[in-house]
Amino acid sequence: MATVELTTANFDEVTGKDGIVLVDFWADWCGPCKRFAPIYERSSGKHPDIVFGKVDTEAQQELGAKFDIRSIPTIMAIRDGVIVFAQPGALPESALENLIEQVEALDMDDVRKQLAEHKH
């Protein structure tokens, strides 16, 4: 599956569904972003059950601000509408695959329970 362009218009709709959404915050002028892009694209082909989204931080400055993106590329993992990972820096392919495995293995009931405890 190819990557999906995420904008302020579709971000909440795409990321709010059940399942896993990976988000790559990037910009055209960013060298590390350009080097990471083919890795991200290859991974999207290996995982058709995961949505691979991309946010162009130049065109979607509001989204970059909303998530306090200070360095690109930044990779964010969202599962069942919950942000479970966010980290700046291009990942090697093996690290991206490892991240996907970890997100798939999460017990979301436990994650939601921990989030609820932190809100009190």
PDB file of N, CA and C in Angstrom:
ATOM      1  N   MET A   1       0.841  -1.186   0.000  1.00  0.00           N
ATOM      2  CA  MET A   1       0.000   0.000   0.000  1.00  0.00           C
ATOM      3  C   MET A   1       0.880   1.241   0.000  1.00  0.00           C
ATOM      4  N   ALA A   2       0.511   2.200  -0.798  1.00  0.00           N
ATOM      5  CA  ALA A   2       1.268   3.442  -0.850  1.00  0.00           C
ATOM      6  C   ALA A   2       0.967   4.281   0.388  1.00  0.00           C
ATOM      7  N   THR A   3       1.800   5.268   0.609  1.00  0.00           N
ATOM      8  CA  THR A   3       1.581   6.143   1.749  1.00  0.00           C
ATOM      9  C   THR A   3       0.411   7.087   1.476  1.00  0.00           C
ATOM     10  N   VAL A   4      -0.191   7.572   2.559  1.00  0.00           N
ATOM     11  CA  VAL A   4      -1.345   8.454   2.490  1.00  0.00           C
ATOM     12  C   VAL A   4      -0.919   9.843   2.932  1.00  0.00           C
ATOM     13  N   GLU A   5      -1.254  10.855   2.146  1.00  0.00           N
ATOM     14  CA  GLU A   5      -0.945  12.227   2.554  1.00  0.00           C
ATOM     15  C   GLU A   5      -1.946  12.653   3.620  1.00  0.00           C
ATOM     16  N   LEU A   6      -1.415  13.058   4.765  1.00  0.00           N
ATOM     17  CA  LEU A   6      -2.266  13.512   5.859  1.00  0.00           C
ATOM     18  C   LEU A   6      -2.275  15.034   5.913  1.00  0.00           C
ATOM     19  N   THR A   7      -3.468  15.581   6.081  1.00  0.00           N
ATOM     20  CA  THR A   7      -3.651  17.028   6.150  1.00  0.00           C
ATOM     21  C   THR A   7      -4.517  17.349   7.371  1.00  0.00           C
ATOM     22  N   THR A   8      -4.675  18.633   7.646  1.00  0.00           N
ATOM     23  CA  THR A   8      -5.559  19.010   8.753  1.00  0.00           C
ATOM     24  C   THR A   8      -6.974  18.518   8.482  1.00  0.00           C
ATOM     25  N   ALA A   9      -7.348  18.387   7.216  1.00  0.00           N
ATOM     26  CA  ALA A   9      -8.703  17.961   6.858  1.00  0.00           C
ATOM     27  C   ALA A   9      -8.954  16.476   7.141  1.00  0.00           C
ATOM     28  N   ASN A  10      -7.935  15.608   6.984  1.00  0.00           N
ATOM     29  CA  ASN A  10      -8.178  14.166   7.139  1.00  0.00           C
ATOM     30  C   ASN A  10      -7.412  13.507   8.287  1.00  0.00           C
ATOM     31  N   PHE A  11      -6.561  14.236   8.975  1.00  0.00           N
ATOM     32  CA  PHE A  11      -5.697  13.636   9.999  1.00  0.00           C
ATOM     33  C   PHE A  11      -6.495  12.903  11.079  1.00  0.00           C
ATOM     34  N   ASP A  12      -7.446  13.592  11.703  1.00  0.00           N
ATOM     35  CA  ASP A  12      -8.200  12.982  12.804  1.00  0.00           C
ATOM     36  C   ASP A  12      -9.021  11.781  12.330  1.00  0.00           C
ATOM     37  N   GLU A  13      -9.575  11.881  11.131  1.00  0.00           N
ATOM     38  CA  GLU A  13     -10.366  10.782  10.585  1.00  0.00           C
ATOM     39  C   GLU A  13      -9.498   9.538  10.367  1.00  0.00           C
ATOM     40  N   VAL A  14      -8.325   9.733   9.764  1.00  0.00           N
ATOM     41  CA  VAL A  14      -7.441   8.603   9.457  1.00  0.00           C
ATOM     42  C   VAL A  14      -6.837   8.011  10.726  1.00  0.00           C
ATOM     43  N   THR A  15      -6.409   8.864  11.653  1.00  0.00           N
ATOM     44  CA  THR A  15      -5.703   8.361  12.832  1.00  0.00           C
ATOM     45  C   THR A  15      -6.638   7.944  13.965  1.00  0.00           C
ATOM     46  N   GLY A  16      -7.913   8.283  13.877  1.00  0.00           N
ATOM     47  CA  GLY A  16      -8.845   7.968  14.946  1.00  0.00           C
ATOM     48  C   GLY A  16      -9.472   6.590  14.846  1.00  0.00           C
ATOM     49  N   LYS A  17      -9.199   5.887  13.765  1.00  0.00           N
ATOM     50  CA  LYS A  17      -9.798   4.556  13.567  1.00  0.00           C
ATOM     51  C   LYS A  17      -9.021   3.488  14.327  1.00  0.00           C
ATOM     52  N   ASP A  18      -9.654   2.321  14.477  1.00  0.00           N
ATOM     53  CA  ASP A  18      -8.954   1.189  15.058  1.00  0.00           C
ATOM     54  C   ASP A  18      -7.848   0.747  14.109  1.00  0.00           C
ATOM     55  N   GLY A  19      -6.806   0.201  14.676  1.00  0.00           N
ATOM     56  CA  GLY A  19      -5.680  -0.253  13.871  1.00  0.00           C
ATOM     57  C   GLY A  19      -4.477   0.641  14.084  1.00  0.00           C
ATOM     58  N   ILE A  20      -3.444   0.394  13.287  1.00  0.00           N
ATOM     59  CA  ILE A  20      -2.174   1.109  13.435  1.00  0.00           C
ATOM     60  C   ILE A  20      -2.005   2.109  12.297  1.00  0.00           C
ATOM     61  N   VAL A  21      -1.610   3.304  12.675  1.00  0.00           N
ATOM     62  CA  VAL A  21      -1.263   4.344  11.706  1.00  0.00           C
ATOM     63  C   VAL A  21       0.131   4.841  12.074  1.00  0.00           C
ATOM     64  N   LEU A  22       1.043   4.789  11.124  1.00  0.00           N
ATOM     65  CA  LEU A  22       2.353   5.413  11.304  1.00  0.00           C
ATOM     66  C   LEU A  22       2.328   6.747  10.582  1.00  0.00           C
ATOM     67  N   VAL A  23       2.930   7.752  11.187  1.00  0.00           N
ATOM     68  CA  VAL A  23       2.945   9.081  10.587  1.00  0.00           C
ATOM     69  C   VAL A  23       4.389   9.547  10.478  1.00  0.00           C
ATOM     70  N   ASP A  24       4.763   9.956   9.280  1.00  0.00           N
ATOM     71  CA  ASP A  24       6.087  10.504   9.001  1.00  0.00           C
ATOM     72  C   ASP A  24       5.920  12.004   8.788  1.00  0.00           C
ATOM     73  N   PHE A  25       6.426  12.805   9.730  1.00  0.00           N
ATOM     74  CA  PHE A  25       6.443  14.262   9.563  1.00  0.00           C
ATOM     75  C   PHE A  25       7.725  14.600   8.819  1.00  0.00           C
ATOM     76  N   TRP A  26       7.607  15.271   7.673  1.00  0.00           N
ATOM     77  CA  TRP A  26       8.753  15.498   6.796  1.00  0.00           C
ATOM     78  C   TRP A  26       8.608  16.845   6.081  1.00  0.00           C
ATOM     79  N   ALA A  27       9.651  17.204   5.337  1.00  0.00           N
ATOM     80  CA  ALA A  27       9.606  18.378   4.456  1.00  0.00           C
ATOM     81  C   ALA A  27      10.516  18.121   3.262  1.00  0.00           C
ATOM     82  N   ASP A  28      10.197  18.763   2.165  1.00  0.00           N
ATOM     83  CA  ASP A  28      10.927  18.544   0.912  1.00  0.00           C
ATOM     84  C   ASP A  28      12.395  18.962   1.007  1.00  0.00           C
ATOM     85  N   TRP A  29      12.699  19.963   1.824  1.00  0.00           N
ATOM     86  CA  TRP A  29      14.068  20.478   1.922  1.00  0.00           C
ATOM     87  C   TRP A  29      14.946  19.659   2.873  1.00  0.00           C
ATOM     88  N   CYS A  30      14.375  18.655   3.525  1.00  0.00           N
ATOM     89  CA  CYS A  30      15.058  17.905   4.587  1.00  0.00           C
ATOM     90  C   CYS A  30      15.778  16.681   4.014  1.00  0.00           C
ATOM     91  N   GLY A  31      17.110  16.717   4.037  1.00  0.00           N
ATOM     92  CA  GLY A  31      17.909  15.603   3.522  1.00  0.00           C
ATOM     93  C   GLY A  31      17.621  14.270   4.199  1.00  0.00           C
ATOM     94  N   PRO A  32      17.652  14.216   5.543  1.00  0.00           N
ATOM     95  CA  PRO A  32      17.346  12.946   6.214  1.00  0.00           C
ATOM     96  C   PRO A  32      15.940  12.429   5.877  1.00  0.00           C
ATOM     97  N   CYS A  33      14.999  13.358   5.672  1.00  0.00           N
ATOM     98  CA  CYS A  33      13.633  12.950   5.300  1.00  0.00           C
ATOM     99  C   CYS A  33      13.644  12.239   3.955  1.00  0.00           C
ATOM    100  N   LYS A  34      14.396  12.791   3.016  1.00  0.00           N
ATOM    101  CA  LYS A  34      14.469  12.203   1.673  1.00  0.00           C
ATOM    102  C   LYS A  34      15.141  10.836   1.712  1.00  0.00           C
ATOM    103  N   ARG A  35      16.133  10.666   2.583  1.00  0.00           N
ATOM    104  CA  ARG A  35      16.799   9.361   2.691  1.00  0.00           C
ATOM    105  C   ARG A  35      15.892   8.341   3.379  1.00  0.00           C
ATOM    106  N   PHE A  36      15.036   8.802   4.294  1.00  0.00           N
ATOM    107  CA  PHE A  36      14.139   7.903   5.012  1.00  0.00           C
ATOM    108  C   PHE A  36      12.943   7.483   4.147  1.00  0.00           C
ATOM    109  N   ALA A  37      12.538   8.327   3.214  1.00  0.00           N
ATOM    110  CA  ALA A  37      11.323   8.088   2.418  1.00  0.00           C
ATOM    111  C   ALA A  37      11.283   6.703   1.760  1.00  0.00           C
ATOM    112  N   PRO A  38      12.358   6.234   1.089  1.00  0.00           N
ATOM    113  CA  PRO A  38      12.278   4.906   0.459  1.00  0.00           C
ATOM    114  C   PRO A  38      12.148   3.771   1.486  1.00  0.00           C
ATOM    115  N   ILE A  39      12.737   3.930   2.664  1.00  0.00           N
ATOM    116  CA  ILE A  39      12.615   2.928   3.732  1.00  0.00           C
ATOM    117  C   ILE A  39      11.155   2.848   4.165  1.00  0.00           C
ATOM    118  N   TYR A  40      10.555   4.013   4.378  1.00  0.00           N
ATOM    119  CA  TYR A  40       9.159   4.105   4.814  1.00  0.00           C
ATOM    120  C   TYR A  40       8.237   3.495   3.757  1.00  0.00           C
ATOM    121  N   GLU A  41       8.515   3.804   2.495  1.00  0.00           N
ATOM    122  CA  GLU A  41       7.707   3.290   1.378  1.00  0.00           C
ATOM    123  C   GLU A  41       7.817   1.771   1.285  1.00  0.00           C
ATOM    124  N   ARG A  42       9.042   1.223   1.423  1.00  0.00           N
ATOM    125  CA  ARG A  42       9.229  -0.239   1.387  1.00  0.00           C
ATOM    126  C   ARG A  42       8.461  -0.905   2.517  1.00  0.00           C
ATOM    127  N   SER A  43       8.531  -0.304   3.689  1.00  0.00           N
ATOM    128  CA  SER A  43       7.832  -0.870   4.846  1.00  0.00           C
ATOM    129  C   SER A  43       6.327  -0.865   4.619  1.00  0.00           C
ATOM    130  N   SER A  44       5.811   0.174   3.968  1.00  0.00           N
ATOM    131  CA  SER A  44       4.363   0.232   3.701  1.00  0.00           C
ATOM    132  C   SER A  44       3.937  -0.915   2.798  1.00  0.00           C
ATOM    133  N   GLY A  45       4.827  -1.352   1.909  1.00  0.00           N
ATOM    134  CA  GLY A  45       4.530  -2.486   1.046  1.00  0.00           C
ATOM    135  C   GLY A  45       4.503  -3.814   1.794  1.00  0.00           C
ATOM    136  N   LYS A  46       5.268  -3.903   2.881  1.00  0.00           N
ATOM    137  CA  LYS A  46       5.336  -5.131   3.680  1.00  0.00           C
ATOM    138  C   LYS A  46       4.173  -5.261   4.649  1.00  0.00           C
ATOM    139  N   HIS A  47       3.511  -4.137   4.951  1.00  0.00           N
ATOM    140  CA  HIS A  47       2.470  -4.131   5.991  1.00  0.00           C
ATOM    141  C   HIS A  47       1.175  -3.508   5.461  1.00  0.00           C
ATOM    142  N   PRO A  48       0.455  -4.234   4.606  1.00  0.00           N
ATOM    143  CA  PRO A  48      -0.763  -3.670   4.013  1.00  0.00           C
ATOM    144  C   PRO A  48      -1.872  -3.397   5.022  1.00  0.00           C
ATOM    145  N   ASP A  49      -1.759  -3.975   6.217  1.00  0.00           N
ATOM    146  CA  ASP A  49      -2.780  -3.776   7.249  1.00  0.00           C
ATOM    147  C   ASP A  49      -2.539  -2.498   8.060  1.00  0.00           C
ATOM    148  N   ILE A  50      -1.422  -1.821   7.827  1.00  0.00           N
ATOM    149  CA  ILE A  50      -1.074  -0.596   8.551  1.00  0.00           C
ATOM    150  C   ILE A  50      -1.191   0.589   7.606  1.00  0.00           C
ATOM    151  N   VAL A  51      -1.720   1.704   8.112  1.00  0.00           N
ATOM    152  CA  VAL A  51      -1.778   2.933   7.318  1.00  0.00           C
ATOM    153  C   VAL A  51      -0.460   3.675   7.525  1.00  0.00           C
ATOM    154  N   PHE A  52       0.214   3.993   6.436  1.00  0.00           N
ATOM    155  CA  PHE A  52       1.450   4.766   6.472  1.00  0.00           C
ATOM    156  C   PHE A  52       1.132   6.168   5.967  1.00  0.00           C
ATOM    157  N   GLY A  53       1.074   7.124   6.889  1.00  0.00           N
ATOM    158  CA  GLY A  53       0.742   8.491   6.527  1.00  0.00           C
ATOM    159  C   GLY A  53       1.967   9.379   6.507  1.00  0.00           C
ATOM    160  N   LYS A  54       1.875  10.437   5.716  1.00  0.00           N
ATOM    161  CA  LYS A  54       2.955  11.415   5.648  1.00  0.00           C
ATOM    162  C   LYS A  54       2.358  12.808   5.833  1.00  0.00           C
ATOM    163  N   VAL A  55       3.025  13.614   6.666  1.00  0.00           N
ATOM    164  CA  VAL A  55       2.616  14.999   6.876  1.00  0.00           C
ATOM    165  C   VAL A  55       3.741  15.898   6.382  1.00  0.00           C
ATOM    166  N   ASP A  56       3.464  16.659   5.337  1.00  0.00           N
ATOM    167  CA  ASP A  56       4.410  17.652   4.839  1.00  0.00           C
ATOM    168  C   ASP A  56       4.325  18.846   5.793  1.00  0.00           C
ATOM    169  N   THR A  57       5.361  19.016   6.613  1.00  0.00           N
ATOM    170  CA  THR A  57       5.312  20.047   7.652  1.00  0.00           C
ATOM    171  C   THR A  57       5.314  21.462   7.084  1.00  0.00           C
ATOM    172  N   GLU A  58       5.730  21.622   5.839  1.00  0.00           N
ATOM    173  CA  GLU A  58       5.665  22.954   5.210  1.00  0.00           C
ATOM    174  C   GLU A  58       4.223  23.277   4.827  1.00  0.00           C
ATOM    175  N   ALA A  59       3.535  22.319   4.228  1.00  0.00           N
ATOM    176  CA  ALA A  59       2.161  22.533   3.772  1.00  0.00           C
ATOM    177  C   ALA A  59       1.162  22.425   4.925  1.00  0.00           C
ATOM    178  N   GLN A  60       1.513  21.674   5.965  1.00  0.00           N
ATOM    179  CA  GLN A  60       0.592  21.413   7.084  1.00  0.00           C
ATOM    180  C   GLN A  60       1.206  21.907   8.396  1.00  0.00           C
ATOM    181  N   GLN A  61       1.543  23.198   8.426  1.00  0.00           N
ATOM    182  CA  GLN A  61       2.211  23.758   9.598  1.00  0.00           C
ATOM    183  C   GLN A  61       1.356  23.634  10.862  1.00  0.00           C
ATOM    184  N   GLU A  62       0.043  23.663  10.701  1.00  0.00           N
ATOM    185  CA  GLU A  62      -0.855  23.544  11.850  1.00  0.00           C
ATOM    186  C   GLU A  62      -0.686  22.183  12.542  1.00  0.00           C
ATOM    187  N   LEU A  63      -0.532  21.116  11.755  1.00  0.00           N
ATOM    188  CA  LEU A  63      -0.328  19.785  12.335  1.00  0.00           C
ATOM    189  C   LEU A  63       1.034  19.693  13.022  1.00  0.00           C
ATOM    190  N   GLY A  64       2.042  20.264  12.404  1.00  0.00           N
ATOM    191  CA  GLY A  64       3.364  20.280  13.035  1.00  0.00           C
ATOM    192  C   GLY A  64       3.321  20.988  14.378  1.00  0.00           C
ATOM    193  N   ALA A  65       2.594  22.097  14.440  1.00  0.00           N
ATOM    194  CA  ALA A  65       2.463  22.848  15.688  1.00  0.00           C
ATOM    195  C   ALA A  65       1.644  22.064  16.714  1.00  0.00           C
ATOM    196  N   LYS A  66       0.563  21.442  16.262  1.00  0.00           N
ATOM    197  CA  LYS A  66      -0.327  20.703  17.163  1.00  0.00           C
ATOM    198  C   LYS A  66       0.438  19.612  17.922  1.00  0.00           C
ATOM    199  N   PHE A  67       1.362  18.953  17.229  1.00  0.00           N
ATOM    200  CA  PHE A  67       2.109  17.855  17.839  1.00  0.00           C
ATOM    201  C   PHE A  67       3.518  18.276  18.270  1.00  0.00           C
ATOM    202  N   ASP A  68       3.768  19.596  18.273  1.00  0.00           N
ATOM    203  CA  ASP A  68       5.033  20.147  18.748  1.00  0.00           C
ATOM    204  C   ASP A  68       6.232  19.504  18.047  1.00  0.00           C
ATOM    205  N   ILE A  69       6.124  19.383  16.715  1.00  0.00           N
ATOM    206  CA  ILE A  69       7.200  18.801  15.922  1.00  0.00           C
ATOM    207  C   ILE A  69       8.309  19.844  15.790  1.00  0.00           C
ATOM    208  N   ARG A  70       9.467  19.550  16.367  1.00  0.00           N
ATOM    209  CA  ARG A  70      10.585  20.498  16.364  1.00  0.00           C
ATOM    210  C   ARG A  70      11.735  20.023  15.481  1.00  0.00           C
ATOM    211  N   SER A  71      11.714  18.754  15.122  1.00  0.00           N
ATOM    212  CA  SER A  71      12.785  18.176  14.328  1.00  0.00           C
ATOM    213  C   SER A  71      12.167  17.179  13.361  1.00  0.00           C
ATOM    214  N   ILE A  72      12.640  17.187  12.132  1.00  0.00           N
ATOM    215  CA  ILE A  72      12.122  16.230  11.153  1.00  0.00           C
ATOM    216  C   ILE A  72      13.282  15.458  10.548  1.00  0.00           C
ATOM    217  N   PRO A  73      13.040  14.233  10.131  1.00  0.00           N
ATOM    218  CA  PRO A  73      11.757  13.559  10.222  1.00  0.00           C
ATOM    219  C   PRO A  73      11.418  13.199  11.664  1.00  0.00           C
ATOM    220  N   THR A  74      10.147  13.160  11.966  1.00  0.00           N
ATOM    221  CA  THR A  74       9.644  12.615  13.224  1.00  0.00           C
ATOM    222  C   THR A  74       8.666  11.515  12.872  1.00  0.00           C
ATOM    223  N   ILE A  75       8.819  10.377  13.528  1.00  0.00           N
ATOM    224  CA  ILE A  75       7.927   9.241  13.312  1.00  0.00           C
ATOM    225  C   ILE A  75       6.990   9.134  14.512  1.00  0.00           C
ATOM    226  N   MET A  76       5.713   8.999  14.205  1.00  0.00           N
ATOM    227  CA  MET A  76       4.702   8.832  15.245  1.00  0.00           C
ATOM    228  C   MET A  76       3.933   7.553  14.942  1.00  0.00           C
ATOM    229  N   ALA A  77       3.650   6.790  15.996  1.00  0.00           N
ATOM    230  CA  ALA A  77       2.830   5.575  15.847  1.00  0.00           C
ATOM    231  C   ALA A  77       1.553   5.781  16.650  1.00  0.00           C
ATOM    232  N   ILE A  78       0.424   5.529  15.993  1.00  0.00           N
ATOM    233  CA  ILE A  78      -0.883   5.670  16.616  1.00  0.00           C
ATOM    234  C   ILE A  78      -1.592   4.322  16.487  1.00  0.00           C
ATOM    235  N   ARG A  79      -2.102   3.841  17.603  1.00  0.00           N
ATOM    236  CA  ARG A  79      -2.853   2.583  17.544  1.00  0.00           C
ATOM    237  C   ARG A  79      -4.201   2.802  18.211  1.00  0.00           C
ATOM    238  N   ASP A  80      -5.248   2.447  17.489  1.00  0.00           N
ATOM    239  CA  ASP A  80      -6.620   2.602  17.983  1.00  0.00           C
ATOM    240  C   ASP A  80      -6.872   4.026  18.481  1.00  0.00           C
ATOM    241  N   GLY A  81      -6.321   5.000  17.759  1.00  0.00           N
ATOM    242  CA  GLY A  81      -6.548   6.402  18.085  1.00  0.00           C
ATOM    243  C   GLY A  81      -5.675   6.957  19.199  1.00  0.00           C
ATOM    244  N   VAL A  82      -4.747   6.142  19.722  1.00  0.00           N
ATOM    245  CA  VAL A  82      -3.879   6.570  20.827  1.00  0.00           C
ATOM    246  C   VAL A  82      -2.442   6.684  20.321  1.00  0.00           C
ATOM    247  N   ILE A  83      -1.805   7.832  20.561  1.00  0.00           N
ATOM    248  CA  ILE A  83      -0.389   7.987  20.192  1.00  0.00           C
ATOM    249  C   ILE A  83       0.429   7.138  21.161  1.00  0.00           C
ATOM    250  N   VAL A  84       1.126   6.145  20.622  1.00  0.00           N
ATOM    251  CA  VAL A  84       1.895   5.236  21.471  1.00  0.00           C
ATOM    252  C   VAL A  84       3.405   5.417  21.298  1.00  0.00           C
ATOM    253  N   PHE A  85       3.811   6.240  20.318  1.00  0.00           N
ATOM    254  CA  PHE A  85       5.241   6.458  20.075  1.00  0.00           C
ATOM    255  C   PHE A  85       5.405   7.718  19.246  1.00  0.00           C
ATOM    256  N   ALA A  86       6.400   8.516  19.578  1.00  0.00           N
ATOM    257  CA  ALA A  86       6.774   9.662  18.740  1.00  0.00           C
ATOM    258  C   ALA A  86       8.239   9.967  19.014  1.00  0.00           C
ATOM    259  N   GLN A  87       9.021  10.014  17.927  1.00  0.00           N
ATOM    260  CA  GLN A  87      10.458  10.248  18.095  1.00  0.00           C
ATOM    261  C   GLN A  87      11.023  10.904  16.844  1.00  0.00           C
ATOM    262  N   PRO A  88      11.819  11.960  17.024  1.00  0.00           N
ATOM    263  CA  PRO A  88      12.480  12.550  15.864  1.00  0.00           C
ATOM    264  C   PRO A  88      13.642  11.680  15.400  1.00  0.00           C
ATOM    265  N   GLY A  89      13.958  11.805  14.127  1.00  0.00           N
ATOM    266  CA  GLY A  89      15.103  11.101  13.558  1.00  0.00           C
ATOM    267  C   GLY A  89      14.680  10.019  12.585  1.00  0.00           C
ATOM    268  N   ALA A  90      15.437   9.901  11.506  1.00  0.00           N
ATOM    269  CA  ALA A  90      15.183   8.853  10.521  1.00  0.00           C
ATOM    270  C   ALA A  90      15.598   7.514  11.124  1.00  0.00           C
ATOM    271  N   LEU A  91      14.756   6.518  10.960  1.00  0.00           N
ATOM    272  CA  LEU A  91      15.061   5.193  11.494  1.00  0.00           C
ATOM    273  C   LEU A  91      15.646   4.302  10.408  1.00  0.00           C
ATOM    274  N   PRO A  92      16.635   3.472  10.750  1.00  0.00           N
ATOM    275  CA  PRO A  92      17.060   2.446   9.802  1.00  0.00           C
ATOM    276  C   PRO A  92      15.902   1.467   9.610  1.00  0.00           C
ATOM    277  N   GLU A  93      15.925   0.754   8.505  1.00  0.00           N
ATOM    278  CA  GLU A  93      14.814  -0.157   8.191  1.00  0.00           C
ATOM    279  C   GLU A  93      14.562  -1.159   9.304  1.00  0.00           C
ATOM    280  N   SER A  94      15.624  -1.704   9.887  1.00  0.00           N
ATOM    281  CA  SER A  94      15.457  -2.700  10.955  1.00  0.00           C
ATOM    282  C   SER A  94      14.770  -2.073  12.171  1.00  0.00           C
ATOM    283  N   ALA A  95      15.087  -0.831  12.497  1.00  0.00           N
ATOM    284  CA  ALA A  95      14.469  -0.158  13.649  1.00  0.00           C
ATOM    285  C   ALA A  95      13.000   0.138  13.371  1.00  0.00           C
ATOM    286  N   LEU A  96      12.676   0.506  12.133  1.00  0.00           N
ATOM    287  CA  LEU A  96      11.278   0.762  11.776  1.00  0.00           C
ATOM    288  C   LEU A  96      10.469  -0.528  11.892  1.00  0.00           C
ATOM    289  N   GLU A  97      11.027  -1.627  11.409  1.00  0.00           N
ATOM    290  CA  GLU A  97      10.341  -2.917  11.509  1.00  0.00           C
ATOM    291  C   GLU A  97      10.176  -3.327  12.974  1.00  0.00           C
ATOM    292  N   ASN A  98      11.187  -3.063  13.794  1.00  0.00           N
ATOM    293  CA  ASN A  98      11.113  -3.367  15.217  1.00  0.00           C
ATOM    294  C   ASN A  98      10.030  -2.530  15.890  1.00  0.00           C
ATOM    295  N   LEU A  99       9.939  -1.261  15.521  1.00  0.00           N
ATOM    296  CA  LEU A  99       8.894  -0.380  16.061  1.00  0.00           C
ATOM    297  C   LEU A  99       7.509  -0.942  15.725  1.00  0.00           C
ATOM    298  N   ILE A 100       7.330  -1.358  14.485  1.00  0.00           N
ATOM    299  CA  ILE A 100       6.036  -1.914  14.053  1.00  0.00           C
ATOM    300  C   ILE A 100       5.691  -3.156  14.882  1.00  0.00           C
ATOM    301  N   GLU A 101       6.673  -4.034  15.078  1.00  0.00           N
ATOM    302  CA  GLU A 101       6.441  -5.238  15.888  1.00  0.00           C
ATOM    303  C   GLU A 101       6.019  -4.865  17.303  1.00  0.00           C
ATOM    304  N   GLN A 102       6.677  -3.870  17.884  1.00  0.00           N
ATOM    305  CA  GLN A 102       6.356  -3.458  19.257  1.00  0.00           C
ATOM    306  C   GLN A 102       4.951  -2.866  19.343  1.00  0.00           C
ATOM    307  N   VAL A 103       4.588  -2.058  18.357  1.00  0.00           N
ATOM    308  CA  VAL A 103       3.250  -1.449  18.359  1.00  0.00           C
ATOM    309  C   VAL A 103       2.186  -2.528  18.174  1.00  0.00           C
ATOM    310  N   GLU A 104       2.458  -3.495  17.294  1.00  0.00           N
ATOM    311  CA  GLU A 104       1.507  -4.600  17.086  1.00  0.00           C
ATOM    312  C   GLU A 104       1.328  -5.425  18.362  1.00  0.00           C
ATOM    313  N   ALA A 105       2.373  -5.544  19.162  1.00  0.00           N
ATOM    314  CA  ALA A 105       2.344  -6.395  20.349  1.00  0.00           C
ATOM    315  C   ALA A 105       1.716  -5.714  21.568  1.00  0.00           C
ATOM    316  N   LEU A 106       1.453  -4.420  21.484  1.00  0.00           N
ATOM    317  CA  LEU A 106       0.904  -3.698  22.635  1.00  0.00           C
ATOM    318  C   LEU A 106      -0.445  -4.260  23.068  1.00  0.00           C
ATOM    319  N   ASP A 107      -0.641  -4.308  24.363  1.00  0.00           N
ATOM    320  CA  ASP A 107      -1.942  -4.627  24.937  1.00  0.00           C
ATOM    321  C   ASP A 107      -2.654  -3.288  25.115  1.00  0.00           C
ATOM    322  N   MET A 108      -3.557  -2.971  24.196  1.00  0.00           N
ATOM    323  CA  MET A 108      -4.179  -1.643  24.202  1.00  0.00           C
ATOM    324  C   MET A 108      -5.074  -1.426  25.417  1.00  0.00           C
ATOM    325  N   ASP A 109      -5.633  -2.479  25.981  1.00  0.00           N
ATOM    326  CA  ASP A 109      -6.406  -2.315  27.219  1.00  0.00           C
ATOM    327  C   ASP A 109      -5.486  -1.805  28.327  1.00  0.00           C
ATOM    328  N   ASP A 110      -4.279  -2.372  28.385  1.00  0.00           N
ATOM    329  CA  ASP A 110      -3.302  -1.950  29.382  1.00  0.00           C
ATOM    330  C   ASP A 110      -2.849  -0.510  29.117  1.00  0.00           C
ATOM    331  N   VAL A 111      -2.623  -0.173  27.847  1.00  0.00           N
ATOM    332  CA  VAL A 111      -2.207   1.189  27.487  1.00  0.00           C
ATOM    333  C   VAL A 111      -3.274   2.194  27.916  1.00  0.00           C
ATOM    334  N   ARG A 112      -4.536   1.903  27.613  1.00  0.00           N
ATOM    335  CA  ARG A 112      -5.622   2.811  27.998  1.00  0.00           C
ATOM    336  C   ARG A 112      -5.728   2.936  29.517  1.00  0.00           C
ATOM    337  N   LYS A 113      -5.516   1.819  30.212  1.00  0.00           N
ATOM    338  CA  LYS A 113      -5.555   1.839  31.680  1.00  0.00           C
ATOM    339  C   LYS A 113      -4.444   2.745  32.221  1.00  0.00           C
ATOM    340  N   GLN A 114      -3.240   2.614  31.668  1.00  0.00           N
ATOM    341  CA  GLN A 114      -2.125   3.447  32.116  1.00  0.00           C
ATOM    342  C   GLN A 114      -2.388   4.920  31.819  1.00  0.00           C
ATOM    343  N   LEU A 115      -2.951   5.210  30.654  1.00  0.00           N
ATOM    344  CA  LEU A 115      -3.285   6.599  30.317  1.00  0.00           C
ATOM    345  C   LEU A 115      -4.301   7.172  31.302  1.00  0.00           C
ATOM    346  N   ALA A 116      -5.293   6.378  31.641  1.00  0.00           N
ATOM    347  CA  ALA A 116      -6.321   6.824  32.586  1.00  0.00           C
ATOM    348  C   ALA A 116      -5.700   7.115  33.956  1.00  0.00           C
ATOM    349  N   GLU A 117      -4.750   6.289  34.356  1.00  0.00           N
ATOM    350  CA  GLU A 117      -4.084   6.499  35.660  1.00  0.00           C
ATOM    351  C   GLU A 117      -3.260   7.772  35.663  1.00  0.00           C
ATOM    352  N   HIS A 118      -2.647   8.117  34.529  1.00  0.00           N
ATOM    353  CA  HIS A 118      -1.818   9.320  34.445  1.00  0.00           C
ATOM    354  C   HIS A 118      -2.657  10.598  34.429  1.00  0.00           C
ATOM    355  N   LYS A 119      -3.906  10.485  34.053  1.00  0.00           N
ATOM    356  CA  LYS A 119      -4.767  11.663  33.985  1.00  0.00           C
ATOM    357  C   LYS A 119      -5.281  12.087  35.358  1.00  0.00           C
ATOM    358  N   HIS A 120      -5.152  11.208  36.359  1.00  0.00           N
ATOM    359  CA  HIS A 120      -5.659  11.519  37.698  1.00  0.00           C
ATOM    360  C   HIS A 120      -4.635  12.218  38.532  1.00  0.00           C
TER     361      HIS A 120
END
